[in-house]
Amino acid sequence: MPADRRKRLSPEQSRDAALEAARALLIESGPQAVTLKAVATRIGRTHANLLHHFGSAAGLQKALAASIADSVVAKIAAAVLRAREGDHDPREVVDLTFDAFGCEGAGALASWMILTGNEDALDPILEAIHRLVDEIGEGHSDQAMPLHEETLQLTLMALGDALLGAPMARALGLSRDKARELAAAQLRNSVVSEG
């Protein structure tokens, strides 16, 4: 084992390293690869060390979901702030959301957790999205319901695209980017109708 991988880490550093490794495994090999043993091996720690930090594989998945949600929500919030300053392109918000569920693995992780009965591990993702929507809608109580509906629609489209987008687009003879185009058009239309 390389010396730098076995060096003493603070509990926070050890936890962060484990989450980083879990995220890499998720993206490389899918959610079924995110096990305590695989993460421990990747960071040069013991299974017991990860049990200490996360309690179980379900705890690791929940922490990973929270980490992904925080990262994604921060990116989307930054895009919304730019939008409020007049530099707005609905496609940017669409791309960030679709990438979170596709490229960053949130869609696969969410589906895996549901299928394995670990639905409460989705709570961090749902809570982060809810906080974001509340933050965006702050001071605009008249727009709260449309904002919640748009968020639901965009999130479900991004999740569906992450899971079935490529084969569906191929089967229908559409470009791989078609779902993103449709989502951006819907966001543009809702902005025009609210304005």
C-alpha atoms as a PDB file:
ATOM      1  CA  MET A   1       0.000   0.000   0.000  1.00  0.00           C
ATOM      2  CA  PRO A   2       1.531   3.377  -0.953  1.00  0.00           C
ATOM      3  CA  ALA A   3       2.537   5.376   2.118  1.00  0.00           C
ATOM      4  CA  ASP A   4       0.555   8.437   1.058  1.00  0.00           C
ATOM      5  CA  ARG A   5      -2.660   6.376   0.965  1.00  0.00           C
ATOM      6  CA  ARG A   6      -2.148   5.026   4.501  1.00  0.00           C
ATOM      7  CA  LYS A   7      -1.275   8.339   6.111  1.00  0.00           C
ATOM      8  CA  ARG A   8      -3.316   9.452   9.058  1.00  0.00           C
ATOM      9  CA  LEU A   9      -6.378  11.425   8.037  1.00  0.00           C
ATOM     10  CA  SER A  10      -8.736  13.410  10.198  1.00  0.00           C
ATOM     11  CA  PRO A  11     -12.234  11.933  10.447  1.00  0.00           C
ATOM     12  CA  GLU A  12     -13.483  14.643   8.087  1.00  0.00           C
ATOM     13  CA  GLN A  13     -10.700  13.989   5.560  1.00  0.00           C
ATOM     14  CA  SER A  14     -11.354  10.242   5.722  1.00  0.00           C
ATOM     15  CA  ARG A  15     -15.084  10.764   5.181  1.00  0.00           C
ATOM     16  CA  ASP A  16     -14.455  13.176   2.277  1.00  0.00           C
ATOM     17  CA  ALA A  17     -12.013  10.741   0.662  1.00  0.00           C
ATOM     18  CA  ALA A  18     -14.590   7.962   0.966  1.00  0.00           C
ATOM     19  CA  LEU A  19     -17.307  10.107  -0.633  1.00  0.00           C
ATOM     20  CA  GLU A  20     -14.972  11.118  -3.450  1.00  0.00           C
ATOM     21  CA  ALA A  21     -14.130   7.459  -4.084  1.00  0.00           C
ATOM     22  CA  ALA A  22     -17.806   6.470  -3.915  1.00  0.00           C
ATOM     23  CA  ARG A  23     -18.682   9.146  -6.453  1.00  0.00           C
ATOM     24  CA  ALA A  24     -15.913   7.970  -8.792  1.00  0.00           C
ATOM     25  CA  LEU A  25     -17.128   4.368  -8.502  1.00  0.00           C
ATOM     26  CA  LEU A  26     -20.703   5.495  -9.184  1.00  0.00           C
ATOM     27  CA  ILE A  27     -19.696   7.308 -12.367  1.00  0.00           C
ATOM     28  CA  GLU A  28     -17.265   4.613 -13.564  1.00  0.00           C
ATOM     29  CA  SER A  29     -19.238   1.463 -12.819  1.00  0.00           C
ATOM     30  CA  GLY A  30     -22.738   2.349 -11.658  1.00  0.00           C
ATOM     31  CA  PRO A  31     -24.462   2.325  -8.279  1.00  0.00           C
ATOM     32  CA  GLN A  32     -24.043  -1.402  -7.674  1.00  0.00           C
ATOM     33  CA  ALA A  33     -20.273  -0.776  -7.480  1.00  0.00           C
ATOM     34  CA  VAL A  34     -20.643   1.611  -4.531  1.00  0.00           C
ATOM     35  CA  THR A  35     -20.006  -0.822  -1.697  1.00  0.00           C
ATOM     36  CA  LEU A  36     -18.174  -0.275   1.562  1.00  0.00           C
ATOM     37  CA  LYS A  37     -15.557  -2.838   0.518  1.00  0.00           C
ATOM     38  CA  ALA A  38     -14.935  -1.209  -2.888  1.00  0.00           C
ATOM     39  CA  VAL A  39     -14.690   2.276  -1.418  1.00  0.00           C
ATOM     40  CA  ALA A  40     -12.396   1.082   1.384  1.00  0.00           C
ATOM     41  CA  THR A  41     -10.122  -0.643  -1.133  1.00  0.00           C
ATOM     42  CA  ARG A  42      -9.991   2.439  -3.344  1.00  0.00           C
ATOM     43  CA  ILE A  43      -8.898   4.757  -0.523  1.00  0.00           C
ATOM     44  CA  GLY A  44      -6.668   2.259   1.298  1.00  0.00           C
ATOM     45  CA  ARG A  45      -8.823   2.030   4.418  1.00  0.00           C
ATOM     46  CA  THR A  46     -10.593  -0.808   6.155  1.00  0.00           C
ATOM     47  CA  HIS A  47     -14.204  -1.834   5.904  1.00  0.00           C
ATOM     48  CA  ALA A  48     -14.483  -1.171   9.661  1.00  0.00           C
ATOM     49  CA  ASN A  49     -13.226   2.384   9.150  1.00  0.00           C
ATOM     50  CA  LEU A  50     -16.044   3.083   6.694  1.00  0.00           C
ATOM     51  CA  LEU A  51     -18.584   1.416   8.982  1.00  0.00           C
ATOM     52  CA  HIS A  52     -17.451   3.849  11.665  1.00  0.00           C
ATOM     53  CA  HIS A  53     -18.130   6.831   9.364  1.00  0.00           C
ATOM     54  CA  PHE A  54     -21.319   5.699   7.610  1.00  0.00           C
ATOM     55  CA  GLY A  55     -22.808   2.873   9.674  1.00  0.00           C
ATOM     56  CA  SER A  56     -23.756   0.778   6.639  1.00  0.00           C
ATOM     57  CA  ALA A  57     -23.789   0.695   2.847  1.00  0.00           C
ATOM     58  CA  ALA A  58     -27.152   2.480   3.009  1.00  0.00           C
ATOM     59  CA  GLY A  59     -25.546   5.190   5.139  1.00  0.00           C
ATOM     60  CA  LEU A  60     -22.762   5.571   2.574  1.00  0.00           C
ATOM     61  CA  GLN A  61     -25.350   5.875  -0.218  1.00  0.00           C
ATOM     62  CA  LYS A  62     -27.290   8.482   1.740  1.00  0.00           C
ATOM     63  CA  ALA A  63     -24.131  10.504   2.377  1.00  0.00           C
ATOM     64  CA  LEU A  64     -23.204  10.195  -1.302  1.00  0.00           C
ATOM     65  CA  ALA A  65     -26.682  11.380  -2.329  1.00  0.00           C
ATOM     66  CA  ALA A  66     -26.322  14.378   0.004  1.00  0.00           C
ATOM     67  CA  SER A  67     -22.896  15.191  -1.411  1.00  0.00           C
ATOM     68  CA  ILE A  68     -24.144  15.018  -5.005  1.00  0.00           C
ATOM     69  CA  ALA A  69     -27.238  17.050  -4.143  1.00  0.00           C
ATOM     70  CA  ASP A  70     -25.220  19.800  -2.456  1.00  0.00           C
ATOM     71  CA  SER A  71     -22.858  20.042  -5.423  1.00  0.00           C
ATOM     72  CA  VAL A  72     -25.640  20.099  -7.996  1.00  0.00           C
ATOM     73  CA  VAL A  73     -27.815  22.557  -6.106  1.00  0.00           C
ATOM     74  CA  ALA A  74     -24.876  24.942  -5.715  1.00  0.00           C
ATOM     75  CA  LYS A  75     -24.312  24.905  -9.499  1.00  0.00           C
ATOM     76  CA  ILE A  76     -27.995  25.419 -10.282  1.00  0.00           C
ATOM     77  CA  ALA A  77     -28.272  28.205  -7.685  1.00  0.00           C
ATOM     78  CA  ALA A  78     -25.323  29.996  -9.311  1.00  0.00           C
ATOM     79  CA  ALA A  79     -27.044  29.728 -12.714  1.00  0.00           C
ATOM     80  CA  VAL A  80     -30.268  31.129 -11.252  1.00  0.00           C
ATOM     81  CA  LEU A  81     -28.367  34.042  -9.681  1.00  0.00           C
ATOM     82  CA  ARG A  82     -26.856  34.826 -13.088  1.00  0.00           C
ATOM     83  CA  ALA A  83     -30.370  34.652 -14.530  1.00  0.00           C
ATOM     84  CA  ARG A  84     -31.600  37.205 -12.010  1.00  0.00           C
ATOM     85  CA  GLU A  85     -28.779  39.515 -13.080  1.00  0.00           C
ATOM     86  CA  GLY A  86     -30.072  39.363 -16.650  1.00  0.00           C
ATOM     87  CA  ASP A  87     -27.591  36.837 -18.036  1.00  0.00           C
ATOM     88  CA  HIS A  88     -30.211  34.113 -18.414  1.00  0.00           C
ATOM     89  CA  ASP A  89     -30.294  31.099 -20.641  1.00  0.00           C
ATOM     90  CA  PRO A  90     -32.799  28.430 -19.560  1.00  0.00           C
ATOM     91  CA  ARG A  91     -30.666  25.874 -21.376  1.00  0.00           C
ATOM     92  CA  GLU A  92     -27.911  26.360 -18.771  1.00  0.00           C
ATOM     93  CA  VAL A  93     -30.258  25.304 -15.949  1.00  0.00           C
ATOM     94  CA  VAL A  94     -31.496  22.386 -18.081  1.00  0.00           C
ATOM     95  CA  ASP A  95     -27.949  21.223 -18.835  1.00  0.00           C
ATOM     96  CA  LEU A  96     -26.890  21.445 -15.180  1.00  0.00           C
ATOM     97  CA  THR A  97     -29.934  19.446 -14.086  1.00  0.00           C
ATOM     98  CA  PHE A  98     -29.612  16.814 -16.818  1.00  0.00           C
ATOM     99  CA  ASP A  99     -25.858  16.492 -16.187  1.00  0.00           C
ATOM    100  CA  ALA A 100     -26.465  16.013 -12.470  1.00  0.00           C
ATOM    101  CA  PHE A 101     -28.780  13.089 -13.116  1.00  0.00           C
ATOM    102  CA  GLY A 102     -26.786  11.713 -16.063  1.00  0.00           C
ATOM    103  CA  CYS A 103     -23.050  12.455 -15.983  1.00  0.00           C
ATOM    104  CA  GLU A 104     -22.800  12.882 -12.213  1.00  0.00           C
ATOM    105  CA  GLY A 105     -24.751   9.701 -11.481  1.00  0.00           C
ATOM    106  CA  ALA A 106     -27.654  11.071  -9.418  1.00  0.00           C
ATOM    107  CA  GLY A 107     -30.224   9.344 -11.644  1.00  0.00           C
ATOM    108  CA  ALA A 108     -28.585   5.934 -11.417  1.00  0.00           C
ATOM    109  CA  LEU A 109     -28.042   6.307  -7.678  1.00  0.00           C
ATOM    110  CA  ALA A 110     -31.642   7.402  -7.072  1.00  0.00           C
ATOM    111  CA  SER A 111     -32.998   4.487  -9.103  1.00  0.00           C
ATOM    112  CA  TRP A 112     -30.717   2.005  -7.365  1.00  0.00           C
ATOM    113  CA  MET A 113     -31.770   3.241  -3.937  1.00  0.00           C
ATOM    114  CA  ILE A 114     -35.451   2.947  -4.831  1.00  0.00           C
ATOM    115  CA  LEU A 115     -35.021  -0.545  -6.287  1.00  0.00           C
ATOM    116  CA  THR A 116     -33.084  -1.765  -3.239  1.00  0.00           C
ATOM    117  CA  GLY A 117     -35.616  -0.353  -0.789  1.00  0.00           C
ATOM    118  CA  ASN A 118     -33.344   2.427   0.458  1.00  0.00           C
ATOM    119  CA  GLU A 119     -35.774   5.209  -0.458  1.00  0.00           C
ATOM    120  CA  ASP A 120     -35.017   7.351   2.579  1.00  0.00           C
ATOM    121  CA  ALA A 121     -31.514   7.811   1.155  1.00  0.00           C
ATOM    122  CA  LEU A 122     -33.188  10.041  -1.452  1.00  0.00           C
ATOM    123  CA  ASP A 123     -34.149  12.509   1.273  1.00  0.00           C
ATOM    124  CA  PRO A 124     -30.969  14.600   0.911  1.00  0.00           C
ATOM    125  CA  ILE A 125     -31.595  15.036  -2.825  1.00  0.00           C
ATOM    126  CA  LEU A 126     -35.250  15.936  -2.314  1.00  0.00           C
ATOM    127  CA  GLU A 127     -34.450  18.285   0.567  1.00  0.00           C
ATOM    128  CA  ALA A 128     -31.709  20.045  -1.425  1.00  0.00           C
ATOM    129  CA  ILE A 129     -34.046  20.552  -4.389  1.00  0.00           C
ATOM    130  CA  HIS A 130     -36.772  21.850  -2.068  1.00  0.00           C
ATOM    131  CA  ARG A 131     -34.348  24.307  -0.405  1.00  0.00           C
ATOM    132  CA  LEU A 132     -33.232  25.498  -3.837  1.00  0.00           C
ATOM    133  CA  VAL A 133     -36.798  26.071  -5.022  1.00  0.00           C
ATOM    134  CA  ASP A 134     -37.637  27.942  -1.818  1.00  0.00           C
ATOM    135  CA  GLU A 135     -34.502  30.061  -2.187  1.00  0.00           C
ATOM    136  CA  ILE A 136     -35.268  30.863  -5.826  1.00  0.00           C
ATOM    137  CA  GLY A 137     -38.870  31.716  -5.002  1.00  0.00           C
ATOM    138  CA  GLU A 138     -37.962  33.918  -2.027  1.00  0.00           C
ATOM    139  CA  GLY A 139     -39.859  37.190  -2.338  1.00  0.00           C
ATOM    140  CA  HIS A 140     -41.962  35.822  -5.196  1.00  0.00           C
ATOM    141  CA  SER A 141     -44.771  34.005  -3.370  1.00  0.00           C
ATOM    142  CA  ASP A 142     -47.065  34.554  -6.370  1.00  0.00           C
ATOM    143  CA  GLN A 143     -44.729  32.340  -8.439  1.00  0.00           C
ATOM    144  CA  ALA A 144     -44.281  29.542  -5.896  1.00  0.00           C
ATOM    145  CA  MET A 145     -46.641  27.022  -7.523  1.00  0.00           C
ATOM    146  CA  PRO A 146     -45.365  27.476 -11.090  1.00  0.00           C
ATOM    147  CA  LEU A 147     -41.801  27.198  -9.756  1.00  0.00           C
ATOM    148  CA  HIS A 148     -42.603  23.945  -7.943  1.00  0.00           C
ATOM    149  CA  GLU A 149     -44.305  22.579 -11.056  1.00  0.00           C
ATOM    150  CA  GLU A 150     -41.386  23.569 -13.303  1.00  0.00           C
ATOM    151  CA  THR A 151     -38.933  21.973 -10.881  1.00  0.00           C
ATOM    152  CA  LEU A 152     -40.952  18.752 -10.804  1.00  0.00           C
ATOM    153  CA  GLN A 153     -41.154  18.652 -14.578  1.00  0.00           C
ATOM    154  CA  LEU A 154     -37.458  19.410 -15.113  1.00  0.00           C
ATOM    155  CA  THR A 155     -36.323  16.929 -12.462  1.00  0.00           C
ATOM    156  CA  LEU A 156     -38.480  14.117 -13.824  1.00  0.00           C
ATOM    157  CA  MET A 157     -37.355  14.843 -17.380  1.00  0.00           C
ATOM    158  CA  ALA A 158     -33.704  14.796 -16.296  1.00  0.00           C
ATOM    159  CA  LEU A 159     -34.161  11.565 -14.348  1.00  0.00           C
ATOM    160  CA  GLY A 160     -35.985   9.901 -17.245  1.00  0.00           C
ATOM    161  CA  ASP A 161     -33.345  11.068 -19.678  1.00  0.00           C
ATOM    162  CA  ALA A 162     -30.563   9.708 -17.481  1.00  0.00           C
ATOM    163  CA  LEU A 163     -32.206   6.295 -17.362  1.00  0.00           C
ATOM    164  CA  LEU A 164     -33.756   5.897 -20.834  1.00  0.00           C
ATOM    165  CA  GLY A 165     -32.877   8.968 -22.893  1.00  0.00           C
ATOM    166  CA  ALA A 166     -30.285   7.458 -25.217  1.00  0.00           C
ATOM    167  CA  PRO A 167     -32.198   4.296 -26.198  1.00  0.00           C
ATOM    168  CA  MET A 168     -35.530   6.177 -26.506  1.00  0.00           C
ATOM    169  CA  ALA A 169     -34.045   8.880 -28.723  1.00  0.00           C
ATOM    170  CA  ARG A 170     -32.377   6.215 -30.870  1.00  0.00           C
ATOM    171  CA  ALA A 171     -35.596   4.166 -31.120  1.00  0.00           C
ATOM    172  CA  LEU A 172     -37.574   7.249 -32.154  1.00  0.00           C
ATOM    173  CA  GLY A 173     -34.940   8.499 -34.594  1.00  0.00           C
ATOM    174  CA  LEU A 174     -34.362  11.692 -32.587  1.00  0.00           C
ATOM    175  CA  SER A 175     -31.132  13.418 -31.658  1.00  0.00           C
ATOM    176  CA  ARG A 176     -29.689  12.468 -28.266  1.00  0.00           C
ATOM    177  CA  ASP A 177     -30.075  16.095 -27.211  1.00  0.00           C
ATOM    178  CA  LYS A 178     -33.815  16.272 -27.972  1.00  0.00           C
ATOM    179  CA  ALA A 179     -35.043  15.925 -24.356  1.00  0.00           C
ATOM    180  CA  ARG A 180     -32.799  18.831 -23.294  1.00  0.00           C
ATOM    181  CA  GLU A 181     -34.111  20.937 -26.169  1.00  0.00           C
ATOM    182  CA  LEU A 182     -37.704  20.196 -25.134  1.00  0.00           C
ATOM    183  CA  ALA A 183     -36.993  21.010 -21.469  1.00  0.00           C
ATOM    184  CA  ALA A 184     -35.300  24.318 -22.384  1.00  0.00           C
ATOM    185  CA  ALA A 185     -38.207  25.262 -24.665  1.00  0.00           C
ATOM    186  CA  GLN A 186     -40.681  24.560 -21.852  1.00  0.00           C
ATOM    187  CA  LEU A 187     -38.684  26.720 -19.442  1.00  0.00           C
ATOM    188  CA  ARG A 188     -38.509  29.550 -21.992  1.00  0.00           C
ATOM    189  CA  ASN A 189     -42.282  29.317 -22.546  1.00  0.00           C
ATOM    190  CA  SER A 190     -42.998  29.434 -18.817  1.00  0.00           C
ATOM    191  CA  VAL A 191     -40.761  32.506 -18.394  1.00  0.00           C
ATOM    192  CA  VAL A 192     -42.591  34.258 -21.251  1.00  0.00           C
ATOM    193  CA  SER A 193     -46.039  33.369 -19.852  1.00  0.00           C
ATOM    194  CA  GLU A 194     -45.039  34.555 -16.335  1.00  0.00           C
ATOM    195  CA  GLY A 195     -43.614  37.807 -17.693  1.00  0.00           C
END
